[in-house]
N, C-alpha and C. Protein backbone atom coordinates (compact mmCIF):
# COMPACT_ATOMS: atom_id res chain seq x y z
N ASP A 1 0.81 -1.20 0.00
CA ASP A 1 0.00 0.00 0.00
C ASP A 1 0.85 1.26 0.00
N GLU A 2 2.06 1.07 0.24
CA GLU A 2 2.92 2.23 0.25
C GLU A 2 2.91 2.94 -1.09
N GLU A 3 2.77 2.19 -2.12
CA GLU A 3 2.80 2.77 -3.46
C GLU A 3 1.51 3.48 -3.78
N ARG A 4 0.48 3.17 -3.12
CA ARG A 4 -0.81 3.76 -3.44
C ARG A 4 -1.14 4.92 -2.49
N ARG A 5 -0.17 5.61 -2.09
CA ARG A 5 -0.40 6.73 -1.20
C ARG A 5 -1.01 7.88 -1.94
N GLU A 6 -1.82 8.58 -1.31
CA GLU A 6 -2.44 9.75 -1.92
C GLU A 6 -1.60 10.96 -1.57
N VAL A 7 -1.43 11.83 -2.58
CA VAL A 7 -0.68 13.06 -2.36
C VAL A 7 -1.70 14.18 -2.30
N LEU A 8 -1.67 14.87 -1.25
CA LEU A 8 -2.61 15.96 -1.07
C LEU A 8 -1.90 17.27 -1.35
N VAL A 9 -2.55 18.15 -2.07
CA VAL A 9 -1.96 19.43 -2.41
C VAL A 9 -2.70 20.48 -1.61
N THR A 10 -1.94 21.21 -0.85
CA THR A 10 -2.54 22.27 -0.04
C THR A 10 -2.58 23.54 -0.86
N PRO A 11 -3.39 24.45 -0.45
CA PRO A 11 -3.47 25.69 -1.22
C PRO A 11 -2.13 26.41 -1.32
N ARG A 12 -1.34 26.39 -0.27
CA ARG A 12 -0.06 27.09 -0.33
C ARG A 12 0.88 26.42 -1.31
N SER A 13 1.02 25.11 -1.28
CA SER A 13 1.91 24.43 -2.21
C SER A 13 1.39 24.54 -3.63
N TYR A 14 0.09 24.58 -3.79
CA TYR A 14 -0.48 24.75 -5.14
C TYR A 14 -0.12 26.13 -5.69
N LEU A 15 -0.20 27.14 -4.84
CA LEU A 15 0.15 28.50 -5.29
C LEU A 15 1.63 28.58 -5.64
N GLU A 16 2.45 27.93 -4.85
CA GLU A 16 3.89 27.91 -5.15
C GLU A 16 4.13 27.20 -6.48
N LEU A 17 3.42 26.10 -6.69
CA LEU A 17 3.54 25.37 -7.95
C LEU A 17 3.14 26.25 -9.12
N ALA A 18 2.07 26.97 -9.00
CA ALA A 18 1.60 27.85 -10.07
C ALA A 18 2.58 28.98 -10.30
N THR A 19 3.13 29.52 -9.22
CA THR A 19 4.12 30.60 -9.33
C THR A 19 5.38 30.08 -10.04
N GLN A 20 5.84 28.91 -9.60
CA GLN A 20 7.04 28.33 -10.23
C GLN A 20 6.79 28.03 -11.71
N TYR A 21 5.60 27.50 -12.02
CA TYR A 21 5.26 27.22 -13.42
C TYR A 21 5.24 28.51 -14.23
N GLY A 22 4.71 29.58 -13.69
CA GLY A 22 4.66 30.88 -14.37
C GLY A 22 6.06 31.40 -14.64
N LYS A 23 6.94 31.30 -13.62
CA LYS A 23 8.33 31.74 -13.79
C LYS A 23 9.02 30.92 -14.87
N MET A 24 8.82 29.61 -14.84
CA MET A 24 9.44 28.73 -15.83
C MET A 24 8.91 29.04 -17.23
N LEU A 25 7.63 29.32 -17.32
CA LEU A 25 7.02 29.66 -18.60
C LEU A 25 7.59 30.97 -19.14
N LYS A 26 7.75 31.96 -18.25
CA LYS A 26 8.33 33.24 -18.66
C LYS A 26 9.77 33.06 -19.16
N ARG A 27 10.56 32.23 -18.44
CA ARG A 27 11.94 31.97 -18.87
C ARG A 27 11.96 31.29 -20.23
N SER A 28 11.08 30.32 -20.42
CA SER A 28 11.02 29.63 -21.70
C SER A 28 10.61 30.57 -22.81
N VAL A 29 9.63 31.42 -22.54
CA VAL A 29 9.17 32.37 -23.55
C VAL A 29 10.29 33.36 -23.89
N SER A 30 10.99 33.88 -22.86
CA SER A 30 12.08 34.83 -23.13
C SER A 30 13.22 34.15 -23.88
N HIS A 31 13.50 32.89 -23.52
CA HIS A 31 14.52 32.14 -24.23
C HIS A 31 14.13 31.95 -25.70
N LEU A 32 12.89 31.58 -25.95
CA LEU A 32 12.41 31.40 -27.32
C LEU A 32 12.39 32.72 -28.10
N GLU A 33 12.02 33.81 -27.41
CA GLU A 33 12.03 35.11 -28.07
C GLU A 33 13.45 35.52 -28.45
N ALA A 34 14.42 35.26 -27.56
CA ALA A 34 15.82 35.57 -27.85
C ALA A 34 16.30 34.73 -29.04
N ALA A 35 15.94 33.45 -29.05
CA ALA A 35 16.33 32.58 -30.17
C ALA A 35 15.69 33.06 -31.46
N GLN A 36 14.40 33.46 -31.37
CA GLN A 36 13.70 33.96 -32.55
C GLN A 36 14.38 35.25 -33.06
N LYS A 37 14.77 36.12 -32.12
CA LYS A 37 15.43 37.37 -32.51
C LYS A 37 16.78 37.08 -33.18
N ARG A 38 17.56 36.15 -32.62
CA ARG A 38 18.85 35.76 -33.22
C ARG A 38 18.64 35.19 -34.62
N LEU A 39 17.61 34.35 -34.74
CA LEU A 39 17.30 33.75 -36.04
C LEU A 39 16.93 34.82 -37.05
N GLN A 40 16.09 35.77 -36.65
CA GLN A 40 15.66 36.83 -37.55
C GLN A 40 16.85 37.71 -37.94
N THR A 41 17.72 38.02 -36.97
CA THR A 41 18.93 38.80 -37.26
C THR A 41 19.81 38.06 -38.26
N GLY A 42 19.97 36.77 -38.05
CA GLY A 42 20.77 35.97 -38.99
C GLY A 42 20.16 35.96 -40.38
N LEU A 43 18.84 35.82 -40.46
CA LEU A 43 18.16 35.82 -41.77
C LEU A 43 18.31 37.18 -42.46
N ASP A 44 18.19 38.27 -41.67
CA ASP A 44 18.37 39.61 -42.24
C ASP A 44 19.78 39.79 -42.77
N ARG A 45 20.75 39.33 -42.01
CA ARG A 45 22.15 39.44 -42.45
C ARG A 45 22.38 38.62 -43.71
N MET A 46 21.81 37.43 -43.75
CA MET A 46 21.98 36.59 -44.95
C MET A 46 21.36 37.26 -46.17
N ALA A 47 20.20 37.88 -46.00
CA ALA A 47 19.56 38.58 -47.11
C ALA A 47 20.43 39.76 -47.55
N ASN A 48 20.98 40.48 -46.57
CA ASN A 48 21.84 41.61 -46.88
C ASN A 48 23.10 41.14 -47.62
N VAL A 49 23.69 40.06 -47.14
CA VAL A 49 24.88 39.51 -47.79
C VAL A 49 24.55 39.04 -49.20
N GLY A 50 23.37 38.46 -49.38
CA GLY A 50 22.95 38.03 -50.72
C GLY A 50 22.86 39.21 -51.68
N GLU A 51 22.32 40.33 -51.19
CA GLU A 51 22.25 41.53 -52.02
C GLU A 51 23.64 42.05 -52.35
N GLN A 52 24.51 42.05 -51.35
CA GLN A 52 25.88 42.52 -51.58
C GLN A 52 26.60 41.63 -52.58
N VAL A 53 26.40 40.32 -52.48
CA VAL A 53 27.02 39.39 -53.42
C VAL A 53 26.53 39.66 -54.83
N GLN A 54 25.25 39.91 -54.98
CA GLN A 54 24.69 40.20 -56.30
C GLN A 54 25.30 41.50 -56.86
N GLU A 55 25.41 42.52 -56.02
CA GLU A 55 26.03 43.78 -56.45
C GLU A 55 27.47 43.56 -56.86
N LEU A 56 28.20 42.77 -56.06
CA LEU A 56 29.61 42.49 -56.38
C LEU A 56 29.73 41.71 -57.69
N ARG A 57 28.80 40.79 -57.94
CA ARG A 57 28.83 40.04 -59.20
C ARG A 57 28.63 40.97 -60.38
N GLU A 58 27.66 41.89 -60.24
CA GLU A 58 27.41 42.84 -61.32
C GLU A 58 28.63 43.73 -61.53
N GLN A 59 29.23 44.18 -60.44
CA GLN A 59 30.42 45.02 -60.55
C GLN A 59 31.56 44.23 -61.18
N LEU A 60 31.71 42.97 -60.81
CA LEU A 60 32.75 42.12 -61.37
C LEU A 60 32.56 41.95 -62.87
N GLU A 61 31.31 41.74 -63.30
CA GLU A 61 31.05 41.59 -64.72
C GLU A 61 31.44 42.86 -65.47
N MET A 62 31.10 44.02 -64.90
CA MET A 62 31.45 45.28 -65.55
C MET A 62 32.96 45.46 -65.61
N GLU A 63 33.64 45.11 -64.51
CA GLU A 63 35.10 45.24 -64.47
C GLU A 63 35.76 44.25 -65.43
N GLN A 64 35.16 43.08 -65.60
CA GLN A 64 35.70 42.11 -66.55
C GLN A 64 35.59 42.64 -67.97
N LEU A 65 34.48 43.30 -68.29
CA LEU A 65 34.34 43.89 -69.61
C LEU A 65 35.41 44.96 -69.83
N VAL A 66 35.62 45.79 -68.82
CA VAL A 66 36.64 46.84 -68.92
C VAL A 66 38.02 46.19 -69.07
N ALA A 67 38.27 45.13 -68.31
CA ALA A 67 39.56 44.45 -68.37
C ALA A 67 39.78 43.84 -69.76
N GLU A 68 38.73 43.27 -70.34
CA GLU A 68 38.85 42.69 -71.68
C GLU A 68 39.15 43.79 -72.70
N GLN A 69 38.50 44.94 -72.56
CA GLN A 69 38.77 46.05 -73.47
C GLN A 69 40.21 46.52 -73.32
N LYS A 70 40.66 46.65 -72.07
CA LYS A 70 42.04 47.08 -71.82
C LYS A 70 43.02 46.05 -72.39
N LYS A 71 42.69 44.77 -72.26
CA LYS A 71 43.56 43.72 -72.78
C LYS A 71 43.65 43.83 -74.29
N ALA A 72 42.51 44.06 -74.95
CA ALA A 72 42.50 44.20 -76.40
C ALA A 72 43.34 45.42 -76.81
N GLU A 73 43.18 46.53 -76.09
CA GLU A 73 43.98 47.72 -76.38
C GLU A 73 45.46 47.44 -76.18
N THR A 74 45.77 46.72 -75.11
CA THR A 74 47.17 46.39 -74.83
C THR A 74 47.74 45.48 -75.92
N ASP A 75 46.95 44.51 -76.36
CA ASP A 75 47.41 43.63 -77.44
C ASP A 75 47.67 44.43 -78.71
N ASP A 76 46.77 45.37 -79.02
CA ASP A 76 46.97 46.22 -80.19
C ASP A 76 48.23 47.06 -80.04
N LEU A 77 48.42 47.60 -78.84
CA LEU A 77 49.60 48.42 -78.58
C LEU A 77 50.87 47.58 -78.70
N LEU A 78 50.83 46.36 -78.18
CA LEU A 78 52.00 45.48 -78.28
C LEU A 78 52.31 45.16 -79.74
N ALA A 79 51.26 44.94 -80.54
CA ALA A 79 51.47 44.67 -81.96
C ALA A 79 52.10 45.89 -82.63
N ALA A 80 51.60 47.09 -82.29
CA ALA A 80 52.15 48.31 -82.87
C ALA A 80 53.59 48.51 -82.43
N VAL A 81 53.87 48.24 -81.16
CA VAL A 81 55.24 48.39 -80.66
C VAL A 81 56.16 47.38 -81.35
N GLY A 82 55.63 46.17 -81.58
CA GLY A 82 56.42 45.15 -82.28
C GLY A 82 56.77 45.61 -83.69
N LYS A 83 55.79 46.18 -84.38
CA LYS A 83 56.05 46.69 -85.73
C LYS A 83 57.05 47.83 -85.67
N GLU A 84 56.84 48.74 -84.70
CA GLU A 84 57.74 49.89 -84.58
C GLU A 84 59.15 49.44 -84.22
N SER A 85 59.27 48.45 -83.36
CA SER A 85 60.61 47.99 -82.99
C SER A 85 61.27 47.30 -84.18
N GLY A 86 60.49 46.59 -84.99
CA GLY A 86 61.04 46.00 -86.21
C GLY A 86 61.51 47.08 -87.16
N PHE A 87 60.71 48.13 -87.30
CA PHE A 87 61.09 49.25 -88.15
C PHE A 87 62.34 49.93 -87.59
N ALA A 88 62.37 50.10 -86.26
CA ALA A 88 63.52 50.74 -85.62
C ALA A 88 64.78 49.90 -85.80
N GLU A 89 64.66 48.60 -85.69
CA GLU A 89 65.81 47.73 -85.91
C GLU A 89 66.30 47.83 -87.35
N GLU A 90 65.35 47.88 -88.27
CA GLU A 90 65.70 48.02 -89.69
C GLU A 90 66.41 49.35 -89.92
N GLN A 91 65.89 50.41 -89.31
CA GLN A 91 66.52 51.73 -89.47
C GLN A 91 67.91 51.74 -88.82
N ALA A 92 68.04 51.07 -87.67
CA ALA A 92 69.34 50.99 -87.01
C ALA A 92 70.32 50.23 -87.89
N SER A 93 69.87 49.18 -88.53
CA SER A 93 70.72 48.42 -89.44
C SER A 93 71.16 49.29 -90.61
N LEU A 94 70.21 50.03 -91.20
CA LEU A 94 70.55 50.93 -92.30
C LEU A 94 71.52 52.02 -91.85
N ALA A 95 71.30 52.54 -90.65
CA ALA A 95 72.20 53.58 -90.12
C ALA A 95 73.60 53.03 -89.92
N LEU A 96 73.69 51.80 -89.45
CA LEU A 96 75.00 51.17 -89.25
C LEU A 96 75.71 50.98 -90.59
N GLU A 97 74.96 50.54 -91.59
CA GLU A 97 75.55 50.39 -92.93
C GLU A 97 76.03 51.73 -93.46
N GLU A 98 75.21 52.76 -93.27
CA GLU A 98 75.57 54.11 -93.74
C GLU A 98 76.81 54.60 -92.99
N LYS A 99 76.89 54.29 -91.69
CA LYS A 99 78.05 54.68 -90.90
C LYS A 99 79.31 54.02 -91.44
N GLU A 100 79.20 52.74 -91.77
CA GLU A 100 80.36 52.02 -92.32
C GLU A 100 80.79 52.63 -93.66
N LYS A 101 79.80 52.97 -94.49
CA LYS A 101 80.11 53.61 -95.78
C LYS A 101 80.82 54.94 -95.56
N LEU A 102 80.28 55.74 -94.64
CA LEU A 102 80.89 57.05 -94.35
C LEU A 102 82.29 56.89 -93.79
N LYS A 103 82.49 55.86 -92.98
CA LYS A 103 83.81 55.61 -92.41
C LYS A 103 84.80 55.30 -93.53
N ALA A 104 84.35 54.48 -94.49
CA ALA A 104 85.22 54.13 -95.62
C ALA A 104 85.52 55.38 -96.46
N GLU A 105 84.49 56.20 -96.70
CA GLU A 105 84.69 57.43 -97.47
C GLU A 105 85.62 58.38 -96.73
N ARG A 106 85.46 58.47 -95.42
CA ARG A 106 86.32 59.34 -94.62
C ARG A 106 87.78 58.90 -94.74
N ALA A 107 87.99 57.58 -94.71
CA ALA A 107 89.34 57.06 -94.86
C ALA A 107 89.90 57.43 -96.24
N GLN A 108 89.07 57.33 -97.28
CA GLN A 108 89.51 57.70 -98.64
C GLN A 108 89.82 59.20 -98.71
N VAL A 109 88.96 60.01 -98.08
CA VAL A 109 89.16 61.46 -98.10
C VAL A 109 90.44 61.81 -97.35
N ALA A 110 90.68 61.14 -96.22
CA ALA A 110 91.90 61.40 -95.45
C ALA A 110 93.13 61.03 -96.26
N ALA A 111 93.06 59.90 -96.97
CA ALA A 111 94.20 59.48 -97.81
C ALA A 111 94.42 60.48 -98.93
N CYS A 112 93.34 60.95 -99.54
CA CYS A 112 93.44 61.92 -100.63
C CYS A 112 93.99 63.24 -100.10
N GLN A 113 93.54 63.61 -98.88
CA GLN A 113 94.00 64.87 -98.28
C GLN A 113 95.49 64.80 -98.02
N GLU A 114 95.96 63.67 -97.50
CA GLU A 114 97.39 63.51 -97.25
C GLU A 114 98.18 63.56 -98.56
N GLN A 115 97.63 62.93 -99.58
CA GLN A 115 98.30 62.94 -100.90
C GLN A 115 98.39 64.38 -101.42
N CYS A 116 97.28 65.10 -101.27
CA CYS A 116 97.27 66.50 -101.74
C CYS A 116 98.24 67.35 -100.92
N ALA A 117 98.26 67.13 -99.60
CA ALA A 117 99.18 67.88 -98.75
C ALA A 117 100.62 67.57 -99.14
N ALA A 118 100.89 66.32 -99.43
CA ALA A 118 102.25 65.93 -99.84
C ALA A 118 102.59 66.60 -101.17
N ASP A 119 101.60 66.64 -102.09
CA ASP A 119 101.83 67.29 -103.39
C ASP A 119 102.07 68.79 -103.18
N VAL A 120 101.34 69.42 -102.27
CA VAL A 120 101.52 70.85 -102.01
C VAL A 120 102.90 71.09 -101.42
N ARG A 121 103.31 70.24 -100.48
CA ARG A 121 104.64 70.40 -99.88
C ARG A 121 105.73 70.21 -100.94
N ALA A 122 105.47 69.25 -101.82
CA ALA A 122 106.48 68.99 -102.86
C ALA A 122 106.53 70.16 -103.86
N SER A 123 105.41 70.81 -104.09
CA SER A 123 105.39 71.88 -105.09
C SER A 123 105.73 73.24 -104.49
N GLU A 124 105.88 73.36 -103.19
CA GLU A 124 106.21 74.63 -102.56
C GLU A 124 107.55 75.18 -103.04
N PRO A 125 108.59 74.38 -103.12
CA PRO A 125 109.87 74.95 -103.60
C PRO A 125 109.73 75.48 -105.03
N ALA A 126 108.95 74.79 -105.84
CA ALA A 126 108.79 75.23 -107.23
C ALA A 126 107.98 76.52 -107.25
N MET A 127 107.00 76.65 -106.36
CA MET A 127 106.21 77.88 -106.33
C MET A 127 107.06 79.06 -105.85
N LYS A 128 107.91 78.81 -104.91
CA LYS A 128 108.79 79.88 -104.43
C LYS A 128 109.73 80.34 -105.54
N GLU A 129 110.22 79.41 -106.30
CA GLU A 129 111.11 79.78 -107.43
C GLU A 129 110.34 80.58 -108.46
N ALA A 130 109.07 80.15 -108.68
CA ALA A 130 108.26 80.87 -109.66
C ALA A 130 107.95 82.27 -109.17
N GLU A 131 107.70 82.43 -107.90
CA GLU A 131 107.43 83.75 -107.34
C GLU A 131 108.66 84.63 -107.41
N SER A 132 109.79 84.06 -107.09
CA SER A 132 111.02 84.86 -107.17
C SER A 132 111.34 85.22 -108.60
N ALA A 133 111.01 84.35 -109.54
CA ALA A 133 111.25 84.67 -110.95
C ALA A 133 110.31 85.77 -111.40
N LEU A 134 109.11 85.74 -110.91
CA LEU A 134 108.13 86.78 -111.25
C LEU A 134 108.55 88.12 -110.65
N SER A 135 109.02 88.05 -109.43
CA SER A 135 109.40 89.29 -108.81
C SER A 135 110.63 89.89 -109.49
N ARG A 136 111.45 89.11 -110.13
CA ARG A 136 112.61 89.61 -110.86
C ARG A 136 112.17 90.24 -112.16
N LEU A 137 111.12 89.89 -112.70
CA LEU A 137 110.69 90.43 -113.99
C LEU A 137 110.12 91.74 -113.82
């Protein structure tokens, strides 16, 4: 019979039970409200991040278009520089050939100048004799 004991609830213990249940209910409600608030904050942040990601994707697409245009311009510029450098190398080669020709001509002119100077030196005594003969006349 020990197991079949009756439990009697007095008004005071019943009021305490109701008070404790009310407190526990308030704690549970506040806990659930806090969880709901955290969840809503997280959802708001995720929506905000989704919008930012979409904006960044659009910006990235625009920047990729600009980058492709710049790349095309750079490729064109590189092709032009390649042509210009080829032309410059060709001109440098022609200038070197011209320099070699001028060097050879300079050597010929120097040799001719020395020959002429030698001829002038050799003819100076004859010119002096001619001048003295003229002055005697």
